[in-house]
């Protein structure tokens, strides 16, 4: 998330996180609040998806 901040000026507040190791592979989930302008939020979302992160938007702000 530090890289997302540096690249896109999007801040992340972690509300929940859990990581487990399954067959020597880290698997987990996080609930985040991302803040930034709409363009940078979209770019950050794309970067996360390209990095193999499944992103689910629970709620979009105004």
PDB file of N, CA and C in Angstrom:
ATOM      1  N   UNK A   1       0.825  -1.178   0.000  1.00  0.00           N
ATOM      2  CA  UNK A   1       0.000   0.000   0.000  1.00  0.00           C
ATOM      3  C   UNK A   1       0.878   1.253   0.000  1.00  0.00           C
ATOM      4  N   UNK A   2       2.070   1.130   0.532  1.00  0.00           N
ATOM      5  CA  UNK A   2       2.996   2.257   0.483  1.00  0.00           C
ATOM      6  C   UNK A   2       3.326   2.616  -0.964  1.00  0.00           C
ATOM      7  N   UNK A   3       3.504   1.614  -1.803  1.00  0.00           N
ATOM      8  CA  UNK A   3       3.799   1.852  -3.222  1.00  0.00           C
ATOM      9  C   UNK A   3       2.617   2.535  -3.909  1.00  0.00           C
ATOM     10  N   UNK A   4       1.402   2.123  -3.572  1.00  0.00           N
ATOM     11  CA  UNK A   4       0.206   2.756  -4.146  1.00  0.00           C
ATOM     12  C   UNK A   4       0.174   4.237  -3.754  1.00  0.00           C
ATOM     13  N   UNK A   5       0.519   4.535  -2.511  1.00  0.00           N
ATOM     14  CA  UNK A   5       0.554   5.932  -2.080  1.00  0.00           C
ATOM     15  C   UNK A   5       1.596   6.720  -2.867  1.00  0.00           C
ATOM     16  N   UNK A   6       2.791   6.158  -2.984  1.00  0.00           N
ATOM     17  CA  UNK A   6       3.868   6.873  -3.677  1.00  0.00           C
ATOM     18  C   UNK A   6       3.564   7.064  -5.155  1.00  0.00           C
ATOM     19  N   UNK A   7       2.992   6.041  -5.796  1.00  0.00           N
ATOM     20  CA  UNK A   7       2.750   6.123  -7.238  1.00  0.00           C
ATOM     21  C   UNK A   7       1.507   6.932  -7.598  1.00  0.00           C
ATOM     22  N   UNK A   8       0.469   6.878  -6.764  1.00  0.00           N
ATOM     23  CA  UNK A   8      -0.829   7.453  -7.141  1.00  0.00           C
ATOM     24  C   UNK A   8      -1.380   8.468  -6.142  1.00  0.00           C
ATOM     25  N   UNK A   9      -0.653   8.746  -5.053  1.00  0.00           N
ATOM     26  CA  UNK A   9      -1.116   9.671  -4.021  1.00  0.00           C
ATOM     27  C   UNK A   9      -2.495   9.275  -3.497  1.00  0.00           C
ATOM     28  N   UNK A  10      -2.662   7.968  -3.288  1.00  0.00           N
ATOM     29  CA  UNK A  10      -3.889   7.421  -2.722  1.00  0.00           C
ATOM     30  C   UNK A  10      -3.535   6.875  -1.342  1.00  0.00           C
ATOM     31  N   UNK A  11      -4.214   7.365  -0.319  1.00  0.00           N
ATOM     32  CA  UNK A  11      -3.948   6.874   1.031  1.00  0.00           C
ATOM     33  C   UNK A  11      -4.848   5.683   1.342  1.00  0.00           C
ATOM     34  N   UNK A  12      -4.345   4.785   2.178  1.00  0.00           N
ATOM     35  CA  UNK A  12      -5.094   3.587   2.552  1.00  0.00           C
ATOM     36  C   UNK A  12      -5.161   3.488   4.066  1.00  0.00           C
ATOM     37  N   UNK A  13      -6.358   3.349   4.581  1.00  0.00           N
ATOM     38  CA  UNK A  13      -6.566   3.076   5.999  1.00  0.00           C
ATOM     39  C   UNK A  13      -7.054   1.640   6.111  1.00  0.00           C
ATOM     40  N   UNK A  14      -6.288   0.809   6.814  1.00  0.00           N
ATOM     41  CA  UNK A  14      -6.627  -0.606   6.942  1.00  0.00           C
ATOM     42  C   UNK A  14      -7.641  -0.766   8.071  1.00  0.00           C
ATOM     43  N   UNK A  15      -8.825  -1.290   7.726  1.00  0.00           N
ATOM     44  CA  UNK A  15      -9.855  -1.540   8.722  1.00  0.00           C
ATOM     45  C   UNK A  15      -9.777  -2.968   9.253  1.00  0.00           C
ATOM     46  N   UNK A  16      -9.331  -3.893   8.395  1.00  0.00           N
ATOM     47  CA  UNK A  16      -9.243  -5.306   8.772  1.00  0.00           C
ATOM     48  C   UNK A  16      -8.235  -5.973   7.863  1.00  0.00           C
ATOM     49  N   UNK A  17      -7.500  -6.932   8.399  1.00  0.00           N
ATOM     50  CA  UNK A  17      -6.579  -7.715   7.584  1.00  0.00           C
ATOM     51  C   UNK A  17      -6.343  -9.079   8.188  1.00  0.00           C
ATOM     52  N   UNK A  18      -6.205 -10.091   7.343  1.00  0.00           N
ATOM     53  CA  UNK A  18      -5.923 -11.451   7.780  1.00  0.00           C
ATOM     54  C   UNK A  18      -5.124 -12.142   6.683  1.00  0.00           C
ATOM     55  N   UNK A  19      -4.001 -12.738   7.051  1.00  0.00           N
ATOM     56  CA  UNK A  19      -3.175 -13.468   6.092  1.00  0.00           C
ATOM     57  C   UNK A  19      -2.849 -14.827   6.687  1.00  0.00           C
ATOM     58  N   UNK A  20      -3.021 -15.867   5.881  1.00  0.00           N
ATOM     59  CA  UNK A  20      -2.674 -17.226   6.269  1.00  0.00           C
ATOM     60  C   UNK A  20      -1.757 -17.808   5.207  1.00  0.00           C
ATOM     61  N   UNK A  21      -0.996 -18.814   5.572  1.00  0.00           N
ATOM     62  CA  UNK A  21      -0.130 -19.511   4.628  1.00  0.00           C
ATOM     63  C   UNK A  21      -0.792 -20.836   4.273  1.00  0.00           C
ATOM     64  N   UNK A  22      -1.119 -21.005   3.006  1.00  0.00           N
ATOM     65  CA  UNK A  22      -1.716 -22.239   2.504  1.00  0.00           C
ATOM     66  C   UNK A  22      -0.783 -22.827   1.465  1.00  0.00           C
ATOM     67  N   UNK A  23      -0.260 -24.008   1.752  1.00  0.00           N
ATOM     68  CA  UNK A  23       0.661 -24.676   0.836  1.00  0.00           C
ATOM     69  C   UNK A  23       1.819 -23.748   0.459  1.00  0.00           C
ATOM     70  N   UNK A  24       2.374 -23.078   1.449  1.00  0.00           N
ATOM     71  CA  UNK A  24       3.509 -22.164   1.323  1.00  0.00           C
ATOM     72  C   UNK A  24       3.201 -20.917   0.490  1.00  0.00           C
ATOM     73  N   UNK A  25       1.916 -20.595   0.362  1.00  0.00           N
ATOM     74  CA  UNK A  25       1.506 -19.404  -0.379  1.00  0.00           C
ATOM     75  C   UNK A  25       0.700 -18.498   0.546  1.00  0.00           C
ATOM     76  N   UNK A  26       1.100 -17.220   0.684  1.00  0.00           N
ATOM     77  CA  UNK A  26       0.305 -16.318   1.516  1.00  0.00           C
ATOM     78  C   UNK A  26      -1.030 -15.992   0.842  1.00  0.00           C
ATOM     79  N   UNK A  27      -2.098 -16.169   1.598  1.00  0.00           N
ATOM     80  CA  UNK A  27      -3.450 -15.900   1.112  1.00  0.00           C
ATOM     81  C   UNK A  27      -4.150 -15.081   2.189  1.00  0.00           C
ATOM     82  N   UNK A  28      -4.831 -14.037   1.788  1.00  0.00           N
ATOM     83  CA  UNK A  28      -5.491 -13.238   2.805  1.00  0.00           C
ATOM     84  C   UNK A  28      -6.494 -12.270   2.235  1.00  0.00           C
ATOM     85  N   UNK A  29      -6.984 -11.454   3.134  1.00  0.00           N
ATOM     86  CA  UNK A  29      -7.963 -10.447   2.756  1.00  0.00           C
ATOM     87  C   UNK A  29      -7.734  -9.206   3.597  1.00  0.00           C
ATOM     88  N   UNK A  30      -8.090  -8.084   3.017  1.00  0.00           N
ATOM     89  CA  UNK A  30      -7.992  -6.809   3.722  1.00  0.00           C
ATOM     90  C   UNK A  30      -9.215  -5.981   3.374  1.00  0.00           C
ATOM     91  N   UNK A  31      -9.648  -5.218   4.337  1.00  0.00           N
ATOM     92  CA  UNK A  31     -10.674  -4.209   4.087  1.00  0.00           C
ATOM     93  C   UNK A  31      -9.997  -2.862   4.302  1.00  0.00           C
ATOM     94  N   UNK A  32     -10.034  -2.048   3.256  1.00  0.00           N
ATOM     95  CA  UNK A  32      -9.347  -0.757   3.261  1.00  0.00           C
ATOM     96  C   UNK A  32     -10.310   0.365   2.927  1.00  0.00           C
ATOM     97  N   UNK A  33     -10.000   1.541   3.407  1.00  0.00           N
ATOM     98  CA  UNK A  33     -10.625   2.766   2.926  1.00  0.00           C
ATOM     99  C   UNK A  33      -9.543   3.485   2.142  1.00  0.00           C
ATOM    100  N   UNK A  34      -9.779   3.666   0.845  1.00  0.00           N
ATOM    101  CA  UNK A  34      -8.825   4.372  -0.010  1.00  0.00           C
ATOM    102  C   UNK A  34      -9.330   5.786  -0.245  1.00  0.00           C
ATOM    103  N   UNK A  35      -8.421   6.745  -0.157  1.00  0.00           N
ATOM    104  CA  UNK A  35      -8.779   8.143  -0.367  1.00  0.00           C
ATOM    105  C   UNK A  35      -7.829   8.782  -1.361  1.00  0.00           C
ATOM    106  N   UNK A  36      -8.395   9.560  -2.266  1.00  0.00           N
ATOM    107  CA  UNK A  36      -7.632  10.272  -3.276  1.00  0.00           C
ATOM    108  C   UNK A  36      -8.590  10.782  -4.328  1.00  0.00           C
ATOM    109  N   UNK A  37      -8.053  11.467  -5.346  1.00  0.00           N
ATOM    110  CA  UNK A  37      -8.965  11.934  -6.388  1.00  0.00           C
ATOM    111  C   UNK A  37      -9.398  10.754  -7.260  1.00  0.00           C
ATOM    112  N   UNK A  38     -10.521  10.929  -7.939  1.00  0.00           N
ATOM    113  CA  UNK A  38     -11.155   9.830  -8.677  1.00  0.00           C
ATOM    114  C   UNK A  38     -10.218   9.202  -9.705  1.00  0.00           C
ATOM    115  N   UNK A  39      -9.464  10.022 -10.422  1.00  0.00           N
ATOM    116  CA  UNK A  39      -8.557   9.498 -11.449  1.00  0.00           C
ATOM    117  C   UNK A  39      -7.486   8.613 -10.814  1.00  0.00           C
ATOM    118  N   UNK A  40      -6.875   9.079  -9.732  1.00  0.00           N
ATOM    119  CA  UNK A  40      -5.823   8.309  -9.079  1.00  0.00           C
ATOM    120  C   UNK A  40      -6.369   7.053  -8.415  1.00  0.00           C
ATOM    121  N   UNK A  41      -7.587   7.116  -7.885  1.00  0.00           N
ATOM    122  CA  UNK A  41      -8.200   5.912  -7.318  1.00  0.00           C
ATOM    123  C   UNK A  41      -8.386   4.847  -8.392  1.00  0.00           C
ATOM    124  N   UNK A  42      -8.830   5.260  -9.578  1.00  0.00           N
ATOM    125  CA  UNK A  42      -9.003   4.307 -10.682  1.00  0.00           C
ATOM    126  C   UNK A  42      -7.662   3.717 -11.106  1.00  0.00           C
ATOM    127  N   UNK A  43      -6.630   4.548 -11.179  1.00  0.00           N
ATOM    128  CA  UNK A  43      -5.296   4.052 -11.537  1.00  0.00           C
ATOM    129  C   UNK A  43      -4.764   3.082 -10.485  1.00  0.00           C
ATOM    130  N   UNK A  44      -4.990   3.392  -9.219  1.00  0.00           N
ATOM    131  CA  UNK A  44      -4.542   2.506  -8.136  1.00  0.00           C
ATOM    132  C   UNK A  44      -5.284   1.174  -8.194  1.00  0.00           C
ATOM    133  N   UNK A  45      -6.577   1.217  -8.463  1.00  0.00           N
ATOM    134  CA  UNK A  45      -7.368  -0.014  -8.592  1.00  0.00           C
ATOM    135  C   UNK A  45      -6.832  -0.875  -9.733  1.00  0.00           C
ATOM    136  N   UNK A  46      -6.529  -0.262 -10.859  1.00  0.00           N
ATOM    137  CA  UNK A  46      -5.960  -0.994 -11.999  1.00  0.00           C
ATOM    138  C   UNK A  46      -4.604  -1.600 -11.642  1.00  0.00           C
ATOM    139  N   UNK A  47      -3.770  -0.849 -10.931  1.00  0.00           N
ATOM    140  CA  UNK A  47      -2.446  -1.349 -10.541  1.00  0.00           C
ATOM    141  C   UNK A  47      -2.572  -2.550  -9.614  1.00  0.00           C
ATOM    142  N   UNK A  48      -3.506  -2.499  -8.690  1.00  0.00           N
ATOM    143  CA  UNK A  48      -3.724  -3.636  -7.789  1.00  0.00           C
ATOM    144  C   UNK A  48      -4.172  -4.865  -8.569  1.00  0.00           C
ATOM    145  N   UNK A  49      -5.091  -4.675  -9.509  1.00  0.00           N
ATOM    146  CA  UNK A  49      -5.569  -5.800 -10.323  1.00  0.00           C
ATOM    147  C   UNK A  49      -4.431  -6.393 -11.151  1.00  0.00           C
ATOM    148  N   UNK A  50      -3.595  -5.538 -11.730  1.00  0.00           N
ATOM    149  CA  UNK A  50      -2.457  -6.023 -12.522  1.00  0.00           C
ATOM    150  C   UNK A  50      -1.452  -6.780 -11.667  1.00  0.00           C
ATOM    151  N   UNK A  51      -1.413  -6.468 -10.366  1.00  0.00           N
ATOM    152  CA  UNK A  51      -0.506  -7.154  -9.441  1.00  0.00           C
ATOM    153  C   UNK A  51      -1.096  -8.472  -8.938  1.00  0.00           C
ATOM    154  N   UNK A  52      -2.286  -8.818  -9.447  1.00  0.00           N
ATOM    155  CA  UNK A  52      -2.903 -10.087  -9.056  1.00  0.00           C
ATOM    156  C   UNK A  52      -3.795 -10.002  -7.837  1.00  0.00           C
ATOM    157  N   UNK A  53      -4.143  -8.791  -7.437  1.00  0.00           N
ATOM    158  CA  UNK A  53      -5.015  -8.598  -6.278  1.00  0.00           C
ATOM    159  C   UNK A  53      -6.459  -8.554  -6.765  1.00  0.00           C
ATOM    160  N   UNK A  54      -7.314  -9.389  -6.171  1.00  0.00           N
ATOM    161  CA  UNK A  54      -8.744  -9.325  -6.471  1.00  0.00           C
ATOM    162  C   UNK A  54      -9.328  -8.157  -5.685  1.00  0.00           C
ATOM    163  N   UNK A  55      -9.897  -7.195  -6.385  1.00  0.00           N
ATOM    164  CA  UNK A  55     -10.444  -5.996  -5.750  1.00  0.00           C
ATOM    165  C   UNK A  55     -11.960  -6.045  -5.835  1.00  0.00           C
ATOM    166  N   UNK A  56     -12.607  -5.876  -4.696  1.00  0.00           N
ATOM    167  CA  UNK A  56     -14.061  -5.769  -4.636  1.00  0.00           C
ATOM    168  C   UNK A  56     -14.391  -4.436  -3.980  1.00  0.00           C
ATOM    169  N   UNK A  57     -15.145  -3.605  -4.676  1.00  0.00           N
ATOM    170  CA  UNK A  57     -15.544  -2.310  -4.132  1.00  0.00           C
ATOM    171  C   UNK A  57     -16.809  -2.524  -3.301  1.00  0.00           C
ATOM    172  N   UNK A  58     -16.728  -2.245  -2.015  1.00  0.00           N
ATOM    173  CA  UNK A  58     -17.890  -2.395  -1.141  1.00  0.00           C
ATOM    174  C   UNK A  58     -18.780  -1.163  -1.188  1.00  0.00           C
ATOM    175  N   UNK A  59     -18.150   0.013  -1.296  1.00  0.00           N
ATOM    176  CA  UNK A  59     -18.906   1.260  -1.355  1.00  0.00           C
ATOM    177  C   UNK A  59     -18.011   2.334  -1.944  1.00  0.00           C
ATOM    178  N   UNK A  60     -18.550   3.117  -2.846  1.00  0.00           N
ATOM    179  CA  UNK A  60     -17.810   4.248  -3.407  1.00  0.00           C
ATOM    180  C   UNK A  60     -18.279   5.520  -2.720  1.00  0.00           C
ATOM    181  N   UNK A  61     -17.312   6.390  -2.435  1.00  0.00           N
ATOM    182  CA  UNK A  61     -17.643   7.669  -1.810  1.00  0.00           C
ATOM    183  C   UNK A  61     -18.127   8.663  -2.841  1.00  0.00           C
ATOM    184  N   UNK A  62     -18.456   9.835  -2.361  1.00  0.00           N
ATOM    185  CA  UNK A  62     -18.955  10.889  -3.256  1.00  0.00           C
ATOM    186  C   UNK A  62     -17.827  11.693  -3.809  1.00  0.00           C
TER     187      UNK A  62
END
